[in-house]
Amino acid sequence: VPNNAMRQTRVGMLSHWKGCAFANASRNALFAA
């Protein structure tokens, strides 16, 4: 419910976050579990 990621991560000139977005999902997964 709280962790839906916007596709802006991979649009236009890409930033560091492109390689970090799923890592954030992993962090949230541990917290939820």
PDB file of all heavy atoms in Angstrom:
ATOM      1  N   VAL A   1       0.815  -1.218   0.000  1.00  0.00           N
ATOM      2  CA  VAL A   1       0.000   0.000   0.000  1.00  0.00           C
ATOM      3  C   VAL A   1       0.853   1.275   0.000  1.00  0.00           C
ATOM      4  O   VAL A   1       0.596   2.193  -0.785  1.00  0.00           O
ATOM      5  CB  VAL A   1      -0.988  -0.015   1.188  1.00  0.00           C
ATOM      6  CG1 VAL A   1      -1.636   1.362   1.375  1.00  0.00           C
ATOM      7  CG2 VAL A   1      -2.077  -1.065   0.959  1.00  0.00           C
ATOM      8  N   PRO A   2       1.903   1.374   0.821  1.00  0.00           N
ATOM      9  CA  PRO A   2       2.631   2.656   0.873  1.00  0.00           C
ATOM     10  C   PRO A   2       3.782   2.813  -0.112  1.00  0.00           C
ATOM     11  O   PRO A   2       4.413   3.870  -0.126  1.00  0.00           O
ATOM     12  CB  PRO A   2       3.169   2.674   2.311  1.00  0.00           C
ATOM     13  CG  PRO A   2       3.362   1.246   2.669  1.00  0.00           C
ATOM     14  CD  PRO A   2       2.314   0.485   1.926  1.00  0.00           C
ATOM     15  N   ASN A   3       4.077   1.812  -0.929  1.00  0.00           N
ATOM     16  CA  ASN A   3       5.349   1.845  -1.659  1.00  0.00           C
ATOM     17  C   ASN A   3       5.199   1.590  -3.153  1.00  0.00           C
ATOM     18  O   ASN A   3       5.787   0.660  -3.706  1.00  0.00           O
ATOM     19  CB  ASN A   3       6.312   0.811  -1.060  1.00  0.00           C
ATOM     20  CG  ASN A   3       6.656   1.122   0.379  1.00  0.00           C
ATOM     21  OD1 ASN A   3       7.069   2.237   0.693  1.00  0.00           O
ATOM     22  ND2 ASN A   3       6.478   0.155   1.266  1.00  0.00           N
ATOM     23  N   ASN A   4       4.438   2.436  -3.831  1.00  0.00           N
ATOM     24  CA  ASN A   4       4.306   2.333  -5.282  1.00  0.00           C
ATOM     25  C   ASN A   4       5.218   3.352  -5.946  1.00  0.00           C
ATOM     26  O   ASN A   4       5.123   4.554  -5.691  1.00  0.00           O
ATOM     27  CB  ASN A   4       2.846   2.548  -5.682  1.00  0.00           C
ATOM     28  CG  ASN A   4       1.952   1.460  -5.124  1.00  0.00           C
ATOM     29  OD1 ASN A   4       2.083   0.298  -5.490  1.00  0.00           O
ATOM     30  ND2 ASN A   4       1.062   1.816  -4.209  1.00  0.00           N
ATOM     31  N   ALA A   5       6.130   2.849  -6.793  1.00  0.00           N
ATOM     32  CA  ALA A   5       7.204   3.678  -7.350  1.00  0.00           C
ATOM     33  C   ALA A   5       6.818   4.246  -8.712  1.00  0.00           C
ATOM     34  O   ALA A   5       6.342   3.519  -9.586  1.00  0.00           O
ATOM     35  CB  ALA A   5       8.476   2.848  -7.481  1.00  0.00           C
ATOM     36  N   MET A   6       7.055   5.535  -8.917  1.00  0.00           N
ATOM     37  CA  MET A   6       6.732   6.183 -10.184  1.00  0.00           C
ATOM     38  C   MET A   6       7.772   5.866 -11.256  1.00  0.00           C
ATOM     39  O   MET A   6       8.963   5.773 -10.977  1.00  0.00           O
ATOM     40  CB  MET A   6       6.636   7.694  -9.994  1.00  0.00           C
ATOM     41  CG  MET A   6       5.447   8.123  -9.146  1.00  0.00           C
ATOM     42  SD  MET A   6       5.232   9.930  -9.105  1.00  0.00           S
ATOM     43  CE  MET A   6       6.658  10.402  -8.125  1.00  0.00           C
ATOM     44  N   ARG A   7       7.320   5.722 -12.474  1.00  0.00           N
ATOM     45  CA  ARG A   7       8.175   5.384 -13.610  1.00  0.00           C
ATOM     46  C   ARG A   7       9.148   6.514 -13.960  1.00  0.00           C
ATOM     47  O   ARG A   7      10.096   6.299 -14.733  1.00  0.00           O
ATOM     48  CB  ARG A   7       7.291   5.062 -14.822  1.00  0.00           C
ATOM     49  CG  ARG A   7       8.040   4.646 -16.059  1.00  0.00           C
ATOM     50  CD  ARG A   7       8.669   3.279 -15.935  1.00  0.00           C
ATOM     51  NE  ARG A   7       9.465   2.935 -17.094  1.00  0.00           N
ATOM     52  CZ  ARG A   7      10.212   1.843 -17.196  1.00  0.00           C
ATOM     53  NH1 ARG A   7      10.247   0.990 -16.201  1.00  0.00           N
ATOM     54  NH2 ARG A   7      10.918   1.600 -18.266  1.00  0.00           N
ATOM     55  N   GLN A   8       8.975   7.671 -13.366  1.00  0.00           N
ATOM     56  CA  GLN A   8       9.888   8.782 -13.628  1.00  0.00           C
ATOM     57  C   GLN A   8      11.341   8.382 -13.355  1.00  0.00           C
ATOM     58  O   GLN A   8      12.267   8.976 -13.903  1.00  0.00           O
ATOM     59  CB  GLN A   8       9.503   9.993 -12.775  1.00  0.00           C
ATOM     60  CG  GLN A   8      10.246  11.272 -13.142  1.00  0.00           C
ATOM     61  CD  GLN A   8      10.003  11.706 -14.585  1.00  0.00           C
ATOM     62  OE1 GLN A   8       8.894  11.565 -15.098  1.00  0.00           O
ATOM     63  NE2 GLN A   8      11.033  12.223 -15.240  1.00  0.00           N
ATOM     64  N   THR A   9      11.524   7.360 -12.541  1.00  0.00           N
ATOM     65  CA  THR A   9      12.866   6.823 -12.288  1.00  0.00           C
ATOM     66  C   THR A   9      13.611   6.545 -13.584  1.00  0.00           C
ATOM     67  O   THR A   9      14.836   6.747 -13.655  1.00  0.00           O
ATOM     68  CB  THR A   9      12.749   5.507 -11.482  1.00  0.00           C
ATOM     69  OG1 THR A   9      12.214   5.813 -10.190  1.00  0.00           O
ATOM     70  CG2 THR A   9      14.105   4.837 -11.303  1.00  0.00           C
ATOM     71  N   ARG A  10      12.927   6.086 -14.638  1.00  0.00           N
ATOM     72  CA  ARG A  10      13.566   5.630 -15.865  1.00  0.00           C
ATOM     73  C   ARG A  10      13.187   6.446 -17.094  1.00  0.00           C
ATOM     74  O   ARG A  10      13.222   5.944 -18.220  1.00  0.00           O
ATOM     75  CB  ARG A  10      13.232   4.149 -16.083  1.00  0.00           C
ATOM     76  CG  ARG A  10      14.142   3.223 -15.310  1.00  0.00           C
ATOM     77  CD  ARG A  10      13.560   1.823 -15.135  1.00  0.00           C
ATOM     78  NE  ARG A  10      13.295   1.532 -13.749  1.00  0.00           N
ATOM     79  CZ  ARG A  10      14.227   1.199 -12.864  1.00  0.00           C
ATOM     80  NH1 ARG A  10      15.486   1.105 -13.230  1.00  0.00           N
ATOM     81  NH2 ARG A  10      13.925   0.962 -11.600  1.00  0.00           N
ATOM     82  N   VAL A  11      12.852   7.712 -16.893  1.00  0.00           N
ATOM     83  CA  VAL A  11      12.446   8.584 -17.996  1.00  0.00           C
ATOM     84  C   VAL A  11      13.390   9.780 -18.074  1.00  0.00           C
ATOM     85  O   VAL A  11      13.790  10.335 -17.050  1.00  0.00           O
ATOM     86  CB  VAL A  11      10.993   9.070 -17.802  1.00  0.00           C
ATOM     87  CG1 VAL A  11      10.616  10.076 -18.879  1.00  0.00           C
ATOM     88  CG2 VAL A  11      10.033   7.885 -17.843  1.00  0.00           C
ATOM     89  N   GLY A  12      13.729  10.190 -19.309  1.00  0.00           N
ATOM     90  CA  GLY A  12      14.593  11.354 -19.490  1.00  0.00           C
ATOM     91  C   GLY A  12      16.036  11.042 -19.116  1.00  0.00           C
ATOM     92  O   GLY A  12      16.509   9.920 -19.256  1.00  0.00           O
ATOM     93  N   MET A  13      16.765  12.063 -18.643  1.00  0.00           N
ATOM     94  CA  MET A  13      18.143  11.855 -18.194  1.00  0.00           C
ATOM     95  C   MET A  13      18.099  11.156 -16.847  1.00  0.00           C
ATOM     96  O   MET A  13      17.514  11.668 -15.888  1.00  0.00           O
ATOM     97  CB  MET A  13      18.876  13.197 -18.085  1.00  0.00           C
ATOM     98  CG  MET A  13      20.391  13.049 -18.043  1.00  0.00           C
ATOM     99  SD  MET A  13      21.099  12.371 -19.591  1.00  0.00           S
ATOM    100  CE  MET A  13      20.917  13.767 -20.702  1.00  0.00           C
ATOM    101  N   LEU A  14      18.712   9.985 -16.766  1.00  0.00           N
ATOM    102  CA  LEU A  14      18.560   9.160 -15.569  1.00  0.00           C
ATOM    103  C   LEU A  14      19.567   9.545 -14.495  1.00  0.00           C
ATOM    104  O   LEU A  14      20.678   9.997 -14.774  1.00  0.00           O
ATOM    105  CB  LEU A  14      18.702   7.685 -15.938  1.00  0.00           C
ATOM    106  CG  LEU A  14      17.761   7.164 -17.030  1.00  0.00           C
ATOM    107  CD1 LEU A  14      17.841   5.648 -17.125  1.00  0.00           C
ATOM    108  CD2 LEU A  14      16.324   7.607 -16.809  1.00  0.00           C
ATOM    109  N   SER A  15      19.177   9.302 -13.260  1.00  0.00           N
ATOM    110  CA  SER A  15      19.977   9.671 -12.093  1.00  0.00           C
ATOM    111  C   SER A  15      20.483   8.429 -11.371  1.00  0.00           C
ATOM    112  O   SER A  15      20.220   7.290 -11.779  1.00  0.00           O
ATOM    113  CB  SER A  15      19.119  10.497 -11.127  1.00  0.00           C
ATOM    114  OG  SER A  15      18.125   9.668 -10.529  1.00  0.00           O
ATOM    115  N   HIS A  16      21.187   8.654 -10.257  1.00  0.00           N
ATOM    116  CA  HIS A  16      21.626   7.541  -9.410  1.00  0.00           C
ATOM    117  C   HIS A  16      20.463   6.631  -9.026  1.00  0.00           C
ATOM    118  O   HIS A  16      20.650   5.422  -8.855  1.00  0.00           O
ATOM    119  CB  HIS A  16      22.243   8.080  -8.113  1.00  0.00           C
ATOM    120  CG  HIS A  16      23.613   8.656  -8.280  1.00  0.00           C
ATOM    121  ND1 HIS A  16      24.200   9.425  -7.305  1.00  0.00           N
ATOM    122  CD2 HIS A  16      24.517   8.578  -9.277  1.00  0.00           C
ATOM    123  CE1 HIS A  16      25.407   9.802  -7.704  1.00  0.00           C
ATOM    124  NE2 HIS A  16      25.618   9.290  -8.910  1.00  0.00           N
ATOM    125  N   TRP A  17      19.279   7.221  -8.865  1.00  0.00           N
ATOM    126  CA  TRP A  17      18.162   6.450  -8.315  1.00  0.00           C
ATOM    127  C   TRP A  17      17.763   5.280  -9.212  1.00  0.00           C
ATOM    128  O   TRP A  17      17.174   4.312  -8.735  1.00  0.00           O
ATOM    129  CB  TRP A  17      16.955   7.359  -8.073  1.00  0.00           C
ATOM    130  CG  TRP A  17      15.880   6.672  -7.282  1.00  0.00           C
ATOM    131  CD1 TRP A  17      14.651   6.283  -7.709  1.00  0.00           C
ATOM    132  CD2 TRP A  17      15.947   6.279  -5.897  1.00  0.00           C
ATOM    133  NE1 TRP A  17      13.948   5.671  -6.708  1.00  0.00           N
ATOM    134  CE2 TRP A  17      14.720   5.658  -5.574  1.00  0.00           C
ATOM    135  CE3 TRP A  17      16.921   6.397  -4.912  1.00  0.00           C
ATOM    136  CZ2 TRP A  17      14.447   5.158  -4.301  1.00  0.00           C
ATOM    137  CZ3 TRP A  17      16.651   5.899  -3.640  1.00  0.00           C
ATOM    138  CH2 TRP A  17      15.432   5.291  -3.348  1.00  0.00           C
ATOM    139  N   LYS A  18      18.105   5.343 -10.500  1.00  0.00           N
ATOM    140  CA  LYS A  18      17.776   4.230 -11.399  1.00  0.00           C
ATOM    141  C   LYS A  18      18.266   2.907 -10.839  1.00  0.00           C
ATOM    142  O   LYS A  18      17.584   1.892 -10.906  1.00  0.00           O
ATOM    143  CB  LYS A  18      18.383   4.480 -12.787  1.00  0.00           C
ATOM    144  CG  LYS A  18      18.040   3.433 -13.825  1.00  0.00           C
ATOM    145  CD  LYS A  18      19.106   2.365 -13.988  1.00  0.00           C
ATOM    146  CE  LYS A  18      20.319   2.875 -14.703  1.00  0.00           C
ATOM    147  NZ  LYS A  18      21.332   1.798 -14.893  1.00  0.00           N
ATOM    148  N   GLY A  19      19.474   2.909 -10.258  1.00  0.00           N
ATOM    149  CA  GLY A  19      20.035   1.688  -9.703  1.00  0.00           C
ATOM    150  C   GLY A  19      19.703   1.454  -8.246  1.00  0.00           C
ATOM    151  O   GLY A  19      20.193   0.488  -7.645  1.00  0.00           O
ATOM    152  N   CYS A  20      18.886   2.325  -7.671  1.00  0.00           N
ATOM    153  CA  CYS A  20      18.575   2.233  -6.240  1.00  0.00           C
ATOM    154  C   CYS A  20      17.109   1.905  -5.972  1.00  0.00           C
ATOM    155  O   CYS A  20      16.746   1.591  -4.835  1.00  0.00           O
ATOM    156  CB  CYS A  20      18.900   3.556  -5.545  1.00  0.00           C
ATOM    157  SG  CYS A  20      20.602   4.135  -5.743  1.00  0.00           S
ATOM    158  N   ALA A  21      16.278   1.976  -7.001  1.00  0.00           N
ATOM    159  CA  ALA A  21      14.833   1.921  -6.785  1.00  0.00           C
ATOM    160  C   ALA A  21      14.386   0.583  -6.202  1.00  0.00           C
ATOM    161  O   ALA A  21      13.547   0.547  -5.290  1.00  0.00           O
ATOM    162  CB  ALA A  21      14.104   2.198  -8.097  1.00  0.00           C
ATOM    163  N   PHE A  22      14.915  -0.526  -6.701  1.00  0.00           N
ATOM    164  CA  PHE A  22      14.498  -1.803  -6.122  1.00  0.00           C
ATOM    165  C   PHE A  22      15.135  -2.011  -4.754  1.00  0.00           C
ATOM    166  O   PHE A  22      14.541  -2.629  -3.875  1.00  0.00           O
ATOM    167  CB  PHE A  22      14.833  -2.991  -7.031  1.00  0.00           C
ATOM    168  CG  PHE A  22      14.033  -4.228  -6.684  1.00  0.00           C
ATOM    169  CD1 PHE A  22      13.011  -4.652  -7.508  1.00  0.00           C
ATOM    170  CD2 PHE A  22      14.294  -4.954  -5.537  1.00  0.00           C
ATOM    171  CE1 PHE A  22      12.251  -5.775  -7.198  1.00  0.00           C
ATOM    172  CE2 PHE A  22      13.551  -6.083  -5.207  1.00  0.00           C
ATOM    173  CZ  PHE A  22      12.526  -6.490  -6.031  1.00  0.00           C
ATOM    174  N   ALA A  23      16.332  -1.473  -4.562  1.00  0.00           N
ATOM    175  CA  ALA A  23      16.946  -1.558  -3.229  1.00  0.00           C
ATOM    176  C   ALA A  23      16.032  -0.924  -2.197  1.00  0.00           C
ATOM    177  O   ALA A  23      15.941  -1.389  -1.046  1.00  0.00           O
ATOM    178  CB  ALA A  23      18.309  -0.873  -3.244  1.00  0.00           C
ATOM    179  N   ASN A  24      15.335   0.126  -2.578  1.00  0.00           N
ATOM    180  CA  ASN A  24      14.371   0.752  -1.685  1.00  0.00           C
ATOM    181  C   ASN A  24      13.205  -0.199  -1.405  1.00  0.00           C
ATOM    182  O   ASN A  24      12.707  -0.281  -0.277  1.00  0.00           O
ATOM    183  CB  ASN A  24      13.862   2.051  -2.295  1.00  0.00           C
ATOM    184  CG  ASN A  24      13.020   2.860  -1.347  1.00  0.00           C
ATOM    185  OD1 ASN A  24      13.445   3.188  -0.243  1.00  0.00           O
ATOM    186  ND2 ASN A  24      11.807   3.189  -1.762  1.00  0.00           N
ATOM    187  N   ALA A  25      12.765  -0.925  -2.433  1.00  0.00           N
ATOM    188  CA  ALA A  25      11.711  -1.923  -2.236  1.00  0.00           C
ATOM    189  C   ALA A  25      12.178  -3.020  -1.283  1.00  0.00           C
ATOM    190  O   ALA A  25      11.408  -3.514  -0.453  1.00  0.00           O
ATOM    191  CB  ALA A  25      11.297  -2.524  -3.579  1.00  0.00           C
ATOM    192  N   SER A  26      13.457  -3.401  -1.386  1.00  0.00           N
ATOM    193  CA  SER A  26      14.009  -4.409  -0.477  1.00  0.00           C
ATOM    194  C   SER A  26      14.021  -3.906   0.960  1.00  0.00           C
ATOM    195  O   SER A  26      13.699  -4.643   1.900  1.00  0.00           O
ATOM    196  CB  SER A  26      15.429  -4.781  -0.905  1.00  0.00           C
ATOM    197  OG  SER A  26      15.422  -5.415  -2.167  1.00  0.00           O
ATOM    198  N   ARG A  27      14.421  -2.659   1.135  1.00  0.00           N
ATOM    199  CA  ARG A  27      14.414  -2.065   2.470  1.00  0.00           C
ATOM    200  C   ARG A  27      12.998  -2.087   3.043  1.00  0.00           C
ATOM    201  O   ARG A  27      12.774  -2.481   4.198  1.00  0.00           O
ATOM    202  CB  ARG A  27      14.932  -0.628   2.399  1.00  0.00           C
ATOM    203  CG  ARG A  27      14.965   0.081   3.744  1.00  0.00           C
ATOM    204  CD  ARG A  27      15.333   1.532   3.593  1.00  0.00           C
ATOM    205  NE  ARG A  27      14.292   2.273   2.879  1.00  0.00           N
ATOM    206  CZ  ARG A  27      14.306   3.588   2.729  1.00  0.00           C
ATOM    207  NH1 ARG A  27      15.309   4.318   3.199  1.00  0.00           N
ATOM    208  NH2 ARG A  27      13.323   4.195   2.087  1.00  0.00           N
ATOM    209  N   ASN A  28      12.032  -1.675   2.233  1.00  0.00           N
ATOM    210  CA  ASN A  28      10.651  -1.644   2.698  1.00  0.00           C
ATOM    211  C   ASN A  28      10.109  -3.041   2.973  1.00  0.00           C
ATOM    212  O   ASN A  28       9.272  -3.225   3.868  1.00  0.00           O
ATOM    213  CB  ASN A  28       9.782  -0.940   1.656  1.00  0.00           C
ATOM    214  CG  ASN A  28      10.164   0.517   1.470  1.00  0.00           C
ATOM    215  OD1 ASN A  28      10.679   1.153   2.381  1.00  0.00           O
ATOM    216  ND2 ASN A  28       9.920   1.052   0.278  1.00  0.00           N
ATOM    217  N   ALA A  29      10.577  -4.019   2.207  1.00  0.00           N
ATOM    218  CA  ALA A  29      10.132  -5.398   2.421  1.00  0.00           C
ATOM    219  C   ALA A  29      10.554  -5.912   3.787  1.00  0.00           C
ATOM    220  O   ALA A  29       9.770  -6.560   4.498  1.00  0.00           O
ATOM    221  CB  ALA A  29      10.706  -6.293   1.320  1.00  0.00           C
ATOM    222  N   LEU A  30      11.807  -5.636   4.163  1.00  0.00           N
ATOM    223  CA  LEU A  30      12.275  -6.058   5.490  1.00  0.00           C
ATOM    224  C   LEU A  30      11.469  -5.391   6.584  1.00  0.00           C
ATOM    225  O   LEU A  30      11.090  -6.023   7.588  1.00  0.00           O
ATOM    226  CB  LEU A  30      13.760  -5.717   5.646  1.00  0.00           C
ATOM    227  CG  LEU A  30      14.776  -6.820   5.347  1.00  0.00           C
ATOM    228  CD1 LEU A  30      14.633  -7.969   6.339  1.00  0.00           C
ATOM    229  CD2 LEU A  30      14.659  -7.334   3.940  1.00  0.00           C
ATOM    230  N   PHE A  31      11.191  -4.100   6.425  1.00  0.00           N
ATOM    231  CA  PHE A  31      10.438  -3.354   7.418  1.00  0.00           C
ATOM    232  C   PHE A  31       9.039  -3.944   7.575  1.00  0.00           C
ATOM    233  O   PHE A  31       8.561  -4.174   8.703  1.00  0.00           O
ATOM    234  CB  PHE A  31      10.364  -1.889   6.996  1.00  0.00           C
ATOM    235  CG  PHE A  31       9.746  -0.968   8.022  1.00  0.00           C
ATOM    236  CD1 PHE A  31      10.319  -0.813   9.273  1.00  0.00           C
ATOM    237  CD2 PHE A  31       8.602  -0.244   7.713  1.00  0.00           C
ATOM    238  CE1 PHE A  31       9.757   0.048  10.213  1.00  0.00           C
ATOM    239  CE2 PHE A  31       8.036   0.616   8.644  1.00  0.00           C
ATOM    240  CZ  PHE A  31       8.612   0.756   9.896  1.00  0.00           C
ATOM    241  N   ALA A  32       8.381  -4.225   6.452  1.00  0.00           N
ATOM    242  CA  ALA A  32       7.027  -4.777   6.494  1.00  0.00           C
ATOM    243  C   ALA A  32       7.015  -6.170   7.119  1.00  0.00           C
ATOM    244  O   ALA A  32       6.155  -6.487   7.956  1.00  0.00           O
ATOM    245  CB  ALA A  32       6.441  -4.822   5.086  1.00  0.00           C
ATOM    246  N   ALA A  33       7.960  -7.017   6.720  1.00  0.00           N
ATOM    247  CA  ALA A  33       7.998  -8.385   7.240  1.00  0.00           C
ATOM    248  C   ALA A  33       8.254  -8.403   8.748  1.00  0.00           C
ATOM    249  O   ALA A  33       7.640  -9.183   9.492  1.00  0.00           O
ATOM    250  CB  ALA A  33       9.075  -9.182   6.511  1.00  0.00           C
TER     251      ALA A  33
END
